[in-house]
Amino acid sequence: MCRPIVDFNATKNIIQGAVGAIAFGAYHQFNINKIMELNDYKHKVEINELHNKYRVEINEIHINHKLEMDIYRNEINLYRNEIQNLTKKIEKLEKRWW
């Protein structure tokens, strides 16, 4: 009769240890995956917040630039009108003079 190399209790303990190690590995991998997903989500949220912040700043810069350009246009138009008025006055004076 063949005698088993390892008795039944030892075999049972080895199998239980192997199953436990596999279960722990799967649990560990699950937790690592969840942590990576949360980290990725957090990173995406931070990127979106920064993107929105910079988009708002860029829009404000565009609005301010447009307002400045409107102010400059208005000033230029005022000067142009003033020059036209002065030119008309000079022409009237020249006509009277001659």
Protein backbone atom coordinates (compact mmCIF):
# COMPACT_ATOMS: atom_id res chain seq x y z
CA MET A 1 0.00 0.00 0.00
CA CYS A 2 1.17 3.51 -0.90
CA ARG A 3 1.64 5.86 1.89
CA PRO A 4 0.67 9.48 1.04
CA ILE A 5 3.60 11.93 1.07
CA VAL A 6 1.57 14.59 2.90
CA ASP A 7 -1.22 13.67 5.25
CA PHE A 8 -4.79 14.89 4.78
CA ASN A 9 -4.66 17.71 7.36
CA ALA A 10 -1.52 19.18 5.85
CA THR A 11 -3.04 19.01 2.36
CA LYS A 12 -6.19 20.68 3.67
CA ASN A 13 -4.13 23.45 5.28
CA ILE A 14 -2.10 24.00 2.10
CA ILE A 15 -5.27 24.23 0.01
CA GLN A 16 -6.91 26.61 2.49
CA GLY A 17 -3.77 28.78 2.47
CA ALA A 18 -3.72 28.83 -1.32
CA VAL A 19 -7.40 29.75 -1.52
CA GLY A 20 -6.86 32.42 1.14
CA ALA A 21 -3.89 33.83 -0.79
CA ILE A 22 -5.93 33.92 -3.99
CA ALA A 23 -8.83 35.62 -2.18
CA PHE A 24 -6.46 38.16 -0.59
CA GLY A 25 -4.87 38.86 -3.99
CA ALA A 26 -8.25 39.41 -5.60
CA TYR A 27 -9.34 41.67 -2.69
CA HIS A 28 -6.07 43.62 -2.93
CA GLN A 29 -6.43 44.03 -6.71
CA PHE A 30 -10.05 45.17 -6.30
CA ASN A 31 -9.00 47.82 -3.77
CA ILE A 32 -6.11 49.00 -5.93
CA ASN A 33 -8.45 49.32 -8.93
CA LYS A 34 -10.96 51.32 -6.87
CA ILE A 35 -8.21 53.63 -5.59
CA MET A 36 -6.97 54.17 -9.14
CA GLU A 37 -10.49 54.92 -10.37
CA LEU A 38 -11.06 57.43 -7.57
CA ASN A 39 -7.69 59.05 -8.23
CA ASP A 40 -8.46 59.26 -11.95
CA TYR A 41 -11.88 60.78 -11.21
CA LYS A 42 -10.33 63.30 -8.82
CA HIS A 43 -7.73 64.20 -11.46
CA LYS A 44 -10.45 64.70 -14.10
CA VAL A 45 -12.46 66.90 -11.72
CA GLU A 46 -9.39 69.04 -10.99
CA ILE A 47 -8.65 69.37 -14.71
CA ASN A 48 -12.27 70.36 -15.43
CA GLU A 49 -12.23 72.93 -12.60
CA LEU A 50 -8.99 74.45 -13.90
CA HIS A 51 -10.33 74.41 -17.45
CA ASN A 52 -13.51 76.20 -16.37
CA LYS A 53 -11.52 78.70 -14.29
CA TYR A 54 -9.22 79.53 -17.17
CA ARG A 55 -12.14 79.69 -19.60
CA VAL A 56 -13.85 82.25 -17.32
CA GLU A 57 -10.61 84.25 -17.07
CA ILE A 58 -10.17 84.18 -20.86
CA ASN A 59 -13.78 85.31 -21.34
CA GLU A 60 -13.25 88.16 -18.86
CA ILE A 61 -10.09 89.20 -20.70
CA HIS A 62 -11.99 89.17 -24.01
CA ILE A 63 -14.84 91.20 -22.52
CA ASN A 64 -12.42 93.71 -20.97
CA HIS A 65 -10.52 93.97 -24.24
CA LYS A 66 -13.76 94.52 -26.14
CA LEU A 67 -14.78 97.22 -23.64
CA GLU A 68 -11.39 98.89 -24.01
CA MET A 69 -11.69 98.76 -27.78
CA ASP A 70 -15.19 100.25 -27.56
CA ILE A 71 -13.84 103.04 -25.36
CA TYR A 72 -11.00 103.71 -27.80
CA ARG A 73 -13.43 103.68 -30.73
CA ASN A 74 -15.66 106.15 -28.93
CA GLU A 75 -12.69 108.40 -28.17
CA ILE A 76 -11.51 108.17 -31.78
CA ASN A 77 -15.00 109.02 -32.99
CA LEU A 78 -15.14 111.99 -30.62
CA TYR A 79 -11.78 113.25 -31.88
CA ARG A 80 -12.84 112.65 -35.47
CA ASN A 81 -16.04 114.62 -34.92
CA GLU A 82 -14.12 117.38 -33.22
CA ILE A 83 -11.64 117.53 -36.10
CA GLN A 84 -14.49 117.61 -38.61
CA ASN A 85 -16.16 120.44 -36.71
CA LEU A 86 -12.92 122.38 -36.52
CA THR A 87 -12.29 121.75 -40.21
CA LYS A 88 -15.74 123.11 -41.04
CA LYS A 89 -15.11 126.18 -38.90
CA ILE A 90 -11.78 126.75 -40.63
CA GLU A 91 -13.44 126.41 -44.03
CA LYS A 92 -16.10 128.94 -43.02
CA LEU A 93 -13.45 131.33 -41.81
CA GLU A 94 -11.47 130.89 -45.01
CA LYS A 95 -14.57 131.58 -47.10
CA ARG A 96 -15.26 134.75 -45.13
CA TRP A 97 -11.69 135.83 -45.34
CA TRP A 98 -11.51 135.54 -49.10
